[in-house]
Amino acid sequence: MENKKDIYNLWVQYTTKNDESYFREFIERFVSIWKSQLPVDFERDDLPLWHEVRPDSGPHLGRLPDELLPAIGKFIIIARDSSENGTLDDEQIRQIAVLVDCLVIVCRHFDNILAIIKYEYKSNLIAILANTFKECMTHQQVSPEVVHLFRSFSQFLEV
């Protein structure tokens, strides 16, 4: 497993160079590490019931980069604009889903939920999902990335 400090170096690179690729890599690795430690697959049979989940099982915001939530919000807004001005490709949809996965993981520490509620993630994500759904209906096909996005969003609503 990767060292958590290694991925925080990606965050430093992102904030220093303002390069989106470092942000994306940070989010990918962060989600990968935490998915290996938390039961976040809502389709598993051995998933704990809601009242059995420890309120501090996820990462506390105080131990995460200060600008993580605003950065996630920024990229969700950019994705919303892109979805309103054209079709998102599968890679863009996958990246949005990973951002939502990150939010689900952060919400697994219940103290973080109030901070996350203050951002307009849900309204922007609903707009993205509505536009994506329209595209799927137009083309009469749904990619695995779209399924991932809708599943991640439903999990986000559950936490």
N, C-alpha and C. Protein backbone atom coordinates (compact mmCIF):
# COMPACT_ATOMS: atom_id res chain seq x y z
N MET A 1 0.85 -1.19 0.00
CA MET A 1 0.00 0.00 0.00
C MET A 1 0.89 1.24 0.00
N GLU A 2 0.40 2.23 -0.68
CA GLU A 2 1.16 3.48 -0.74
C GLU A 2 1.16 4.17 0.61
N ASN A 3 2.20 4.90 0.84
CA ASN A 3 2.31 5.68 2.05
C ASN A 3 1.45 6.94 1.88
N LYS A 4 0.67 7.26 2.90
CA LYS A 4 -0.20 8.44 2.82
C LYS A 4 0.60 9.72 2.63
N LYS A 5 1.82 9.74 3.18
CA LYS A 5 2.65 10.93 3.01
C LYS A 5 3.05 11.13 1.56
N ASP A 6 3.20 10.02 0.84
CA ASP A 6 3.55 10.12 -0.58
C ASP A 6 2.47 10.84 -1.37
N ILE A 7 1.22 10.55 -1.05
CA ILE A 7 0.17 11.21 -1.82
C ILE A 7 0.03 12.68 -1.43
N TYR A 8 0.37 13.01 -0.20
CA TYR A 8 0.31 14.42 0.19
C TYR A 8 1.36 15.24 -0.54
N ASN A 9 2.43 14.59 -0.97
CA ASN A 9 3.41 15.29 -1.82
C ASN A 9 2.76 15.70 -3.14
N LEU A 10 1.83 14.89 -3.62
CA LEU A 10 1.08 15.26 -4.83
C LEU A 10 0.26 16.52 -4.57
N TRP A 11 -0.30 16.62 -3.37
CA TRP A 11 -1.08 17.81 -3.03
C TRP A 11 -0.18 19.05 -3.03
N VAL A 12 1.00 18.91 -2.48
CA VAL A 12 1.95 20.02 -2.46
C VAL A 12 2.29 20.42 -3.90
N GLN A 13 2.49 19.44 -4.75
CA GLN A 13 2.78 19.73 -6.16
C GLN A 13 1.60 20.45 -6.82
N TYR A 14 0.39 20.00 -6.50
CA TYR A 14 -0.81 20.64 -7.06
C TYR A 14 -0.89 22.10 -6.63
N THR A 15 -0.71 22.36 -5.35
CA THR A 15 -0.85 23.73 -4.86
C THR A 15 0.32 24.61 -5.31
N THR A 16 1.49 24.01 -5.48
CA THR A 16 2.66 24.78 -5.91
C THR A 16 2.60 25.10 -7.40
N LYS A 17 2.28 24.10 -8.19
CA LYS A 17 2.32 24.26 -9.65
C LYS A 17 0.96 24.57 -10.26
N ASN A 18 -0.10 24.44 -9.45
CA ASN A 18 -1.47 24.65 -9.93
C ASN A 18 -1.74 23.80 -11.18
N ASP A 19 -1.34 22.54 -11.09
CA ASP A 19 -1.47 21.60 -12.20
C ASP A 19 -2.54 20.57 -11.84
N GLU A 20 -3.59 20.55 -12.62
CA GLU A 20 -4.73 19.67 -12.35
C GLU A 20 -4.34 18.20 -12.29
N SER A 21 -3.33 17.80 -13.04
CA SER A 21 -2.95 16.39 -13.06
C SER A 21 -2.49 15.92 -11.67
N TYR A 22 -1.84 16.78 -10.91
CA TYR A 22 -1.43 16.41 -9.55
C TYR A 22 -2.65 16.26 -8.65
N PHE A 23 -3.64 17.12 -8.82
CA PHE A 23 -4.87 17.01 -8.04
C PHE A 23 -5.56 15.69 -8.35
N ARG A 24 -5.70 15.37 -9.62
CA ARG A 24 -6.38 14.13 -10.02
C ARG A 24 -5.66 12.91 -9.47
N GLU A 25 -4.34 12.93 -9.53
CA GLU A 25 -3.56 11.80 -9.01
C GLU A 25 -3.71 11.70 -7.49
N PHE A 26 -3.71 12.83 -6.81
CA PHE A 26 -3.92 12.83 -5.36
C PHE A 26 -5.27 12.19 -5.03
N ILE A 27 -6.33 12.63 -5.70
CA ILE A 27 -7.67 12.11 -5.42
C ILE A 27 -7.74 10.61 -5.71
N GLU A 28 -7.19 10.19 -6.84
CA GLU A 28 -7.21 8.77 -7.21
C GLU A 28 -6.54 7.92 -6.12
N ARG A 29 -5.38 8.34 -5.69
CA ARG A 29 -4.64 7.56 -4.69
C ARG A 29 -5.30 7.63 -3.32
N PHE A 30 -5.82 8.80 -2.97
CA PHE A 30 -6.53 8.96 -1.69
C PHE A 30 -7.71 8.00 -1.63
N VAL A 31 -8.51 7.99 -2.68
CA VAL A 31 -9.68 7.11 -2.73
C VAL A 31 -9.25 5.65 -2.69
N SER A 32 -8.21 5.31 -3.42
CA SER A 32 -7.73 3.93 -3.44
C SER A 32 -7.29 3.47 -2.05
N ILE A 33 -6.54 4.30 -1.36
CA ILE A 33 -6.07 3.95 -0.01
C ILE A 33 -7.25 3.77 0.93
N TRP A 34 -8.18 4.71 0.92
CA TRP A 34 -9.29 4.63 1.87
C TRP A 34 -10.29 3.55 1.52
N LYS A 35 -10.46 3.26 0.24
CA LYS A 35 -11.36 2.15 -0.13
C LYS A 35 -10.82 0.82 0.37
N SER A 36 -9.52 0.72 0.49
CA SER A 36 -8.94 -0.52 1.01
C SER A 36 -9.10 -0.63 2.53
N GLN A 37 -9.41 0.48 3.19
CA GLN A 37 -9.53 0.49 4.65
C GLN A 37 -10.96 0.61 5.16
N LEU A 38 -11.85 1.09 4.33
CA LEU A 38 -13.24 1.30 4.75
C LEU A 38 -14.19 0.44 3.94
N PRO A 39 -15.23 -0.06 4.56
CA PRO A 39 -16.25 -0.77 3.78
C PRO A 39 -17.18 0.26 3.11
N VAL A 40 -16.85 0.65 1.89
CA VAL A 40 -17.65 1.67 1.20
C VAL A 40 -18.37 1.11 -0.03
N ASP A 41 -18.23 -0.17 -0.28
CA ASP A 41 -18.96 -0.79 -1.38
C ASP A 41 -20.34 -1.16 -0.86
N PHE A 42 -21.33 -0.36 -1.21
CA PHE A 42 -22.66 -0.50 -0.64
C PHE A 42 -23.40 -1.73 -1.14
N GLU A 43 -22.81 -2.46 -2.07
CA GLU A 43 -23.47 -3.66 -2.59
C GLU A 43 -22.97 -4.94 -1.93
N ARG A 44 -21.96 -4.83 -1.09
CA ARG A 44 -21.44 -6.02 -0.41
C ARG A 44 -22.42 -6.50 0.65
N ASP A 45 -22.45 -7.80 0.82
CA ASP A 45 -23.34 -8.39 1.83
C ASP A 45 -22.84 -8.16 3.25
N ASP A 46 -21.53 -8.03 3.42
CA ASP A 46 -20.97 -7.88 4.76
C ASP A 46 -20.79 -6.42 5.18
N LEU A 47 -21.42 -5.52 4.47
CA LEU A 47 -21.35 -4.10 4.83
C LEU A 47 -22.07 -3.89 6.16
N PRO A 48 -21.47 -3.14 7.09
CA PRO A 48 -22.14 -2.94 8.37
C PRO A 48 -23.43 -2.12 8.20
N LEU A 49 -24.38 -2.37 9.06
CA LEU A 49 -25.61 -1.59 9.06
C LEU A 49 -25.29 -0.16 9.48
N TRP A 50 -26.16 0.78 9.12
CA TRP A 50 -25.88 2.19 9.37
C TRP A 50 -25.60 2.48 10.84
N HIS A 51 -26.27 1.80 11.74
CA HIS A 51 -26.06 2.07 13.16
C HIS A 51 -24.81 1.37 13.71
N GLU A 52 -24.17 0.53 12.89
CA GLU A 52 -22.95 -0.15 13.31
C GLU A 52 -21.68 0.56 12.83
N VAL A 53 -21.84 1.56 11.98
CA VAL A 53 -20.68 2.27 11.44
C VAL A 53 -20.12 3.20 12.51
N ARG A 54 -18.83 3.08 12.74
CA ARG A 54 -18.18 3.97 13.70
C ARG A 54 -18.20 5.40 13.16
N PRO A 55 -18.54 6.38 13.98
CA PRO A 55 -18.64 7.76 13.49
C PRO A 55 -17.31 8.40 13.11
N ASP A 56 -16.22 7.75 13.44
CA ASP A 56 -14.91 8.32 13.13
C ASP A 56 -14.08 7.38 12.24
N SER A 57 -14.75 6.60 11.42
CA SER A 57 -14.01 5.62 10.63
C SER A 57 -13.30 6.23 9.42
N GLY A 58 -13.74 7.36 8.95
CA GLY A 58 -13.08 8.01 7.83
C GLY A 58 -12.05 9.03 8.29
N PRO A 59 -11.39 9.68 7.34
CA PRO A 59 -10.38 10.68 7.70
C PRO A 59 -11.02 11.97 8.22
N HIS A 60 -10.43 12.56 9.23
CA HIS A 60 -10.94 13.82 9.76
C HIS A 60 -10.42 14.96 8.90
N LEU A 61 -11.29 15.94 8.65
CA LEU A 61 -10.89 17.08 7.81
C LEU A 61 -9.66 17.80 8.34
N GLY A 62 -9.50 17.81 9.64
CA GLY A 62 -8.35 18.47 10.24
C GLY A 62 -7.02 17.84 9.84
N ARG A 63 -7.07 16.61 9.36
CA ARG A 63 -5.85 15.91 8.94
C ARG A 63 -5.69 15.89 7.42
N LEU A 64 -6.61 16.56 6.74
CA LEU A 64 -6.57 16.61 5.27
C LEU A 64 -6.14 18.01 4.83
N PRO A 65 -5.71 18.15 3.59
CA PRO A 65 -5.32 19.48 3.11
C PRO A 65 -6.47 20.49 3.28
N ASP A 66 -6.12 21.70 3.71
CA ASP A 66 -7.12 22.73 3.99
C ASP A 66 -8.02 23.03 2.80
N GLU A 67 -7.48 23.02 1.63
CA GLU A 67 -8.23 23.41 0.44
C GLU A 67 -8.83 22.23 -0.32
N LEU A 68 -8.89 21.06 0.32
CA LEU A 68 -9.41 19.89 -0.39
C LEU A 68 -10.87 20.07 -0.81
N LEU A 69 -11.73 20.44 0.12
CA LEU A 69 -13.15 20.58 -0.22
C LEU A 69 -13.39 21.68 -1.26
N PRO A 70 -12.77 22.86 -1.12
CA PRO A 70 -12.95 23.86 -2.18
C PRO A 70 -12.43 23.39 -3.54
N ALA A 71 -11.33 22.64 -3.55
CA ALA A 71 -10.79 22.14 -4.82
C ALA A 71 -11.76 21.14 -5.46
N ILE A 72 -12.32 20.26 -4.64
CA ILE A 72 -13.32 19.31 -5.17
C ILE A 72 -14.50 20.09 -5.73
N GLY A 73 -14.95 21.09 -4.99
CA GLY A 73 -16.05 21.92 -5.47
C GLY A 73 -15.73 22.61 -6.78
N LYS A 74 -14.53 23.12 -6.89
CA LYS A 74 -14.09 23.80 -8.12
C LYS A 74 -14.18 22.86 -9.32
N PHE A 75 -13.67 21.64 -9.15
CA PHE A 75 -13.67 20.71 -10.28
C PHE A 75 -15.06 20.17 -10.58
N ILE A 76 -15.92 20.12 -9.59
CA ILE A 76 -17.31 19.73 -9.84
C ILE A 76 -18.02 20.84 -10.62
N ILE A 77 -17.75 22.09 -10.27
CA ILE A 77 -18.35 23.21 -11.01
C ILE A 77 -17.86 23.23 -12.46
N ILE A 78 -16.57 22.99 -12.64
CA ILE A 78 -16.02 22.93 -14.01
C ILE A 78 -16.70 21.81 -14.79
N ALA A 79 -16.89 20.67 -14.13
CA ALA A 79 -17.56 19.54 -14.79
C ALA A 79 -19.01 19.88 -15.12
N ARG A 80 -19.66 20.60 -14.22
CA ARG A 80 -21.05 21.00 -14.49
C ARG A 80 -21.09 21.90 -15.73
N ASP A 81 -20.21 22.87 -15.79
CA ASP A 81 -20.16 23.75 -16.96
C ASP A 81 -19.90 22.95 -18.23
N SER A 82 -18.98 22.01 -18.15
CA SER A 82 -18.68 21.17 -19.32
C SER A 82 -19.90 20.35 -19.73
N SER A 83 -20.62 19.83 -18.75
CA SER A 83 -21.79 19.00 -19.07
C SER A 83 -22.91 19.83 -19.67
N GLU A 84 -22.97 21.10 -19.30
CA GLU A 84 -24.02 21.98 -19.86
C GLU A 84 -23.66 22.50 -21.24
N ASN A 85 -22.37 22.50 -21.55
CA ASN A 85 -21.90 23.03 -22.83
C ASN A 85 -21.56 21.94 -23.83
N GLY A 86 -21.79 20.72 -23.49
CA GLY A 86 -21.48 19.61 -24.39
C GLY A 86 -21.54 18.30 -23.65
N THR A 87 -21.09 17.28 -24.31
CA THR A 87 -21.13 15.94 -23.75
C THR A 87 -19.82 15.65 -23.01
N LEU A 88 -19.94 15.05 -21.83
CA LEU A 88 -18.76 14.61 -21.10
C LEU A 88 -18.34 13.25 -21.65
N ASP A 89 -17.04 13.06 -21.81
CA ASP A 89 -16.57 11.74 -22.24
C ASP A 89 -16.45 10.82 -21.03
N ASP A 90 -16.21 9.55 -21.29
CA ASP A 90 -16.18 8.57 -20.21
C ASP A 90 -15.10 8.88 -19.16
N GLU A 91 -13.96 9.38 -19.59
CA GLU A 91 -12.90 9.71 -18.63
C GLU A 91 -13.32 10.86 -17.72
N GLN A 92 -13.97 11.86 -18.28
CA GLN A 92 -14.45 12.97 -17.45
C GLN A 92 -15.50 12.49 -16.45
N ILE A 93 -16.37 11.61 -16.90
CA ILE A 93 -17.40 11.06 -16.01
C ILE A 93 -16.75 10.24 -14.90
N ARG A 94 -15.74 9.46 -15.24
CA ARG A 94 -15.03 8.66 -14.24
C ARG A 94 -14.37 9.57 -13.21
N GLN A 95 -13.78 10.66 -13.67
CA GLN A 95 -13.12 11.59 -12.75
C GLN A 95 -14.12 12.23 -11.79
N ILE A 96 -15.30 12.55 -12.28
CA ILE A 96 -16.35 13.11 -11.41
C ILE A 96 -16.75 12.06 -10.38
N ALA A 97 -16.91 10.82 -10.82
CA ALA A 97 -17.29 9.74 -9.90
C ALA A 97 -16.25 9.56 -8.80
N VAL A 98 -14.99 9.69 -9.15
CA VAL A 98 -13.92 9.55 -8.15
C VAL A 98 -13.98 10.72 -7.15
N LEU A 99 -14.32 11.91 -7.63
CA LEU A 99 -14.50 13.04 -6.70
C LEU A 99 -15.63 12.75 -5.71
N VAL A 100 -16.70 12.17 -6.22
CA VAL A 100 -17.83 11.83 -5.35
C VAL A 100 -17.43 10.71 -4.38
N ASP A 101 -16.67 9.74 -4.87
CA ASP A 101 -16.15 8.69 -3.98
C ASP A 101 -15.34 9.30 -2.84
N CYS A 102 -14.55 10.31 -3.17
CA CYS A 102 -13.75 10.99 -2.16
C CYS A 102 -14.65 11.64 -1.11
N LEU A 103 -15.71 12.28 -1.56
CA LEU A 103 -16.65 12.91 -0.62
C LEU A 103 -17.31 11.86 0.28
N VAL A 104 -17.66 10.72 -0.29
CA VAL A 104 -18.26 9.64 0.51
C VAL A 104 -17.28 9.20 1.60
N ILE A 105 -16.03 9.05 1.24
CA ILE A 105 -15.01 8.63 2.21
C ILE A 105 -14.84 9.68 3.30
N VAL A 106 -14.78 10.94 2.92
CA VAL A 106 -14.62 12.01 3.91
C VAL A 106 -15.83 12.06 4.84
N CYS A 107 -17.01 11.77 4.31
CA CYS A 107 -18.22 11.77 5.14
C CYS A 107 -18.26 10.61 6.13
N ARG A 108 -17.41 9.61 5.95
CA ARG A 108 -17.39 8.49 6.88
C ARG A 108 -16.84 8.89 8.25
N HIS A 109 -16.25 10.07 8.34
CA HIS A 109 -15.98 10.66 9.65
C HIS A 109 -17.10 11.67 9.84
N PHE A 110 -18.03 11.33 10.70
CA PHE A 110 -19.27 12.09 10.79
C PHE A 110 -19.08 13.56 11.13
N ASP A 111 -17.98 13.90 11.80
CA ASP A 111 -17.71 15.31 12.12
C ASP A 111 -17.54 16.15 10.85
N ASN A 112 -17.21 15.51 9.74
CA ASN A 112 -16.96 16.23 8.49
C ASN A 112 -18.24 16.58 7.74
N ILE A 113 -19.32 15.92 8.07
CA ILE A 113 -20.55 16.08 7.28
C ILE A 113 -21.04 17.52 7.28
N LEU A 114 -20.99 18.19 8.42
CA LEU A 114 -21.46 19.58 8.48
C LEU A 114 -20.64 20.48 7.57
N ALA A 115 -19.36 20.25 7.48
CA ALA A 115 -18.52 21.06 6.59
C ALA A 115 -18.87 20.79 5.13
N ILE A 116 -19.15 19.56 4.81
CA ILE A 116 -19.46 19.20 3.42
C ILE A 116 -20.83 19.74 3.02
N ILE A 117 -21.76 19.78 3.94
CA ILE A 117 -23.10 20.30 3.64
C ILE A 117 -23.04 21.76 3.19
N LYS A 118 -22.06 22.51 3.68
CA LYS A 118 -21.97 23.93 3.36
C LYS A 118 -21.64 24.20 1.89
N TYR A 119 -21.07 23.21 1.23
CA TYR A 119 -20.74 23.37 -0.19
C TYR A 119 -21.93 22.96 -1.03
N GLU A 120 -21.96 23.43 -2.26
CA GLU A 120 -23.09 23.13 -3.15
C GLU A 120 -22.78 21.94 -4.04
N TYR A 121 -22.24 20.90 -3.44
CA TYR A 121 -21.92 19.71 -4.21
C TYR A 121 -23.16 19.08 -4.82
N LYS A 122 -24.19 18.91 -4.00
CA LYS A 122 -25.37 18.17 -4.46
C LYS A 122 -26.03 18.84 -5.66
N SER A 123 -26.26 20.13 -5.60
CA SER A 123 -26.95 20.80 -6.71
C SER A 123 -26.12 20.73 -7.99
N ASN A 124 -24.82 20.90 -7.88
CA ASN A 124 -23.97 20.81 -9.06
C ASN A 124 -23.91 19.38 -9.60
N LEU A 125 -23.84 18.41 -8.69
CA LEU A 125 -23.82 17.01 -9.13
C LEU A 125 -25.15 16.60 -9.75
N ILE A 126 -26.25 17.09 -9.20
CA ILE A 126 -27.56 16.78 -9.78
C ILE A 126 -27.64 17.33 -11.20
N ALA A 127 -27.11 18.52 -11.42
CA ALA A 127 -27.10 19.09 -12.78
C ALA A 127 -26.26 18.22 -13.72
N ILE A 128 -25.12 17.76 -13.24
CA ILE A 128 -24.27 16.89 -14.06
C ILE A 128 -25.01 15.59 -14.37
N LEU A 129 -25.62 15.00 -13.36
CA LEU A 129 -26.34 13.74 -13.56
C LEU A 129 -27.52 13.92 -14.51
N ALA A 130 -28.22 15.03 -14.40
CA ALA A 130 -29.35 15.28 -15.30
C ALA A 130 -28.88 15.38 -16.74
N ASN A 131 -27.79 16.11 -16.96
CA ASN A 131 -27.25 16.24 -18.32
C ASN A 131 -26.73 14.91 -18.83
N THR A 132 -26.09 14.15 -17.96
CA THR A 132 -25.56 12.84 -18.35
C THR A 132 -26.71 11.89 -18.68
N PHE A 133 -27.76 11.94 -17.87
CA PHE A 133 -28.93 11.09 -18.12
C PHE A 133 -29.56 11.41 -19.48
N LYS A 134 -29.67 12.69 -19.78
CA LYS A 134 -30.22 13.10 -21.09
C LYS A 134 -29.38 12.54 -22.23
N GLU A 135 -28.07 12.61 -22.07
CA GLU A 135 -27.17 12.07 -23.10
C GLU A 135 -27.36 10.56 -23.25
N CYS A 136 -27.48 9.88 -22.13
CA CYS A 136 -27.68 8.43 -22.18
C CYS A 136 -28.99 8.09 -22.88
N MET A 137 -30.02 8.85 -22.60
CA MET A 137 -31.32 8.60 -23.24
C MET A 137 -31.25 8.89 -24.74
N THR A 138 -30.52 9.92 -25.10
CA THR A 138 -30.38 10.27 -26.51
C THR A 138 -29.66 9.17 -27.28
N HIS A 139 -28.59 8.65 -26.68
CA HIS A 139 -27.78 7.64 -27.36
C HIS A 139 -28.21 6.21 -27.05
N GLN A 140 -29.15 6.05 -26.14
CA GLN A 140 -29.66 4.74 -25.76
C GLN A 140 -28.56 3.77 -25.32
N GLN A 141 -27.59 4.32 -24.57
CA GLN A 141 -26.54 3.46 -24.02
C GLN A 141 -25.99 4.09 -22.74
N VAL A 142 -25.51 3.21 -21.87
CA VAL A 142 -24.95 3.65 -20.60
C VAL A 142 -23.60 2.96 -20.42
N SER A 143 -22.58 3.76 -20.20
CA SER A 143 -21.23 3.20 -20.01
C SER A 143 -21.03 2.81 -18.55
N PRO A 144 -20.04 1.97 -18.27
CA PRO A 144 -19.72 1.63 -16.87
C PRO A 144 -19.36 2.87 -16.05
N GLU A 145 -18.77 3.86 -16.68
CA GLU A 145 -18.40 5.10 -15.97
C GLU A 145 -19.65 5.85 -15.51
N VAL A 146 -20.68 5.85 -16.33
CA VAL A 146 -21.94 6.50 -15.95
C VAL A 146 -22.57 5.75 -14.78
N VAL A 147 -22.55 4.44 -14.84
CA VAL A 147 -23.08 3.63 -13.73
C VAL A 147 -22.31 3.95 -12.45
N HIS A 148 -20.99 4.03 -12.56
CA HIS A 148 -20.14 4.37 -11.41
C HIS A 148 -20.55 5.73 -10.85
N LEU A 149 -20.75 6.71 -11.72
CA LEU A 149 -21.12 8.06 -11.26
C LEU A 149 -22.46 8.04 -10.53
N PHE A 150 -23.45 7.41 -11.11
CA PHE A 150 -24.77 7.39 -10.47
C PHE A 150 -24.73 6.60 -9.15
N ARG A 151 -23.98 5.52 -9.12
CA ARG A 151 -23.86 4.73 -7.89
C ARG A 151 -23.13 5.54 -6.81
N SER A 152 -22.07 6.22 -7.20
CA SER A 152 -21.32 7.03 -6.23
C SER A 152 -22.19 8.15 -5.67
N PHE A 153 -22.97 8.78 -6.54
CA PHE A 153 -23.84 9.86 -6.08
C PHE A 153 -24.90 9.34 -5.13
N SER A 154 -25.46 8.18 -5.42
CA SER A 154 -26.47 7.63 -4.51
C SER A 154 -25.85 7.30 -3.16
N GLN A 155 -24.60 6.84 -3.16
CA GLN A 155 -23.90 6.58 -1.90
C GLN A 155 -23.64 7.89 -1.15
N PHE A 156 -23.33 8.93 -1.89
CA PHE A 156 -23.11 10.25 -1.28
C PHE A 156 -24.38 10.74 -0.60
N LEU A 157 -25.52 10.48 -1.22
CA LEU A 157 -26.79 10.89 -0.62
C LEU A 157 -27.10 10.10 0.65
N GLU A 158 -26.59 8.88 0.72
CA GLU A 158 -26.86 8.03 1.88
C GLU A 158 -26.06 8.40 3.10
N VAL A 159 -24.92 9.06 2.92
CA VAL A 159 -24.09 9.37 4.09
C VAL A 159 -24.45 10.71 4.69
